[in-house]
Amino acid sequence: MNNSFIHLAAAAFLAVTLLGGCIGSSPKTSYYSLYAPAQVPPPAIGAVPSALAVSVGPVNIPDILKQTKIATGGADGRYQLAEYHRWSGELDRDIARSVAEQLAGDLGTQQVALFPWDQNLTPTCRVSLDVLYMGGEPAREATLAVRWALVDPKGENPLLIRRSELKEIPADAGYPAWVAAQQRNVAKLAQEIAALVKTLPH
């Protein structure tokens, strides 16, 4: 066995070892949801059930948010996609579910449904949302801008239209803190919606 063959074999073994080490040390992908059950307000004890029936949706989101990779930035129209931090499901449904559960707690009703709802629910109010922007830098802020409308039960006439711009400061520079800040933004959005739903005649 000559020296050239020995050197070649050693180099190949080293390359395979280094490659295996790189593969073995790849970061683990983390998955997140904007629906945080721990943030949903519990129903008030002894409260009289509300006659309100609320439908939430449709929720429209920008195309950049329709993928699983979390997109941050966006203030200047440029986004960064996180390879190892992803949404656990469809973001528009996540937002709808989070808003619906928050409304159920704030309004004291369990008659909430996501659009399209089934025939067992006749909504007294519909909430439609158009997410204009969701971004910010993980180390600095989490921002959310939404134009939303309260619509009559038949979905023909908007009762009112509002725009909400929300901002939360993450606890640290990590993605978990940024997602938690966006969860708080969605909770505040639902509180704004609930406050106006309470003023409607029903």
Foldseek 3Di string as FASTA:
>chain_A
DDPVVVVVVVVVVVVVVVVVVVVVPDDAADEDFLADVVPAADADPPDDADPAAEEEDDEAEDPVQQFFFDWADCPVHDTDTDPRYTYPDGRRVRLRVNLQRNLCRLVRYPNYYYPPDDPVHQGQKYKYKYWPDWHYALAFKTKTKIKMFIAGSVRPDTPDIDIDIDMDGFPHSDPVSNSVRVSVVSSVVSVVVNVVVVVDDD
